[in-house]
Amino acid sequence: MAWDEKNRDEWAKRFLEQTFKDAVIPLEGTEGAKMSFFRVEVRGDCALAVKAGKPQPIFELKLELDWKVEQPIERGKSILEAKGQIQVTDFSSEDSSEPQMKLVCDNQMPPGATPAFKDLMDKLNGAVKSHGKGEVARILAEDFVVELKKQV
């Protein structure tokens, strides 16, 4: 029996864009900071090979995820925002459980920023590195792959 390969490029782009734009990730080790994504760019190829009713994902994708973290400060009167990008440089069906990622943090401080402000920004960037990147990897390795297999 031959493999039946179905192109899933558009589905993958739509799914990943919507999933990340809808995501709100609470960051552990902060005082209620939440990470979200405001720009999602997906490039690459995605297909689903089916043989005897069994789906086999085949994909090689790269993503750019522009993120922001909002941290309530001054007892919730203000919001401190940190921004950056997670570049998923290699996410493929060869090793879907280990997407290769690079974290870029925008460390521009506003004029007059205090050392305490810089410390808080560093803490938020650290939370993205320690928890946010892991959640991105989980969404890709688990949520995306599971849903892709259903696209028969």
Foldseek 3Di string as FASTA:
>chain_A
DDKDKAWCVVVLQVVVQVVQQPDWAFFPPADGKIKGFDDKDKDWTWMWIADPRFTQIWIWMKMKTKMKIWHQPPVNPDTDIWIWIKIQPTATSVCNLDGDIDTGTDQDDDPPDDVVNSVVNVSVSVSCVVPVVVVVSCCRSPVSVVVSRVPD
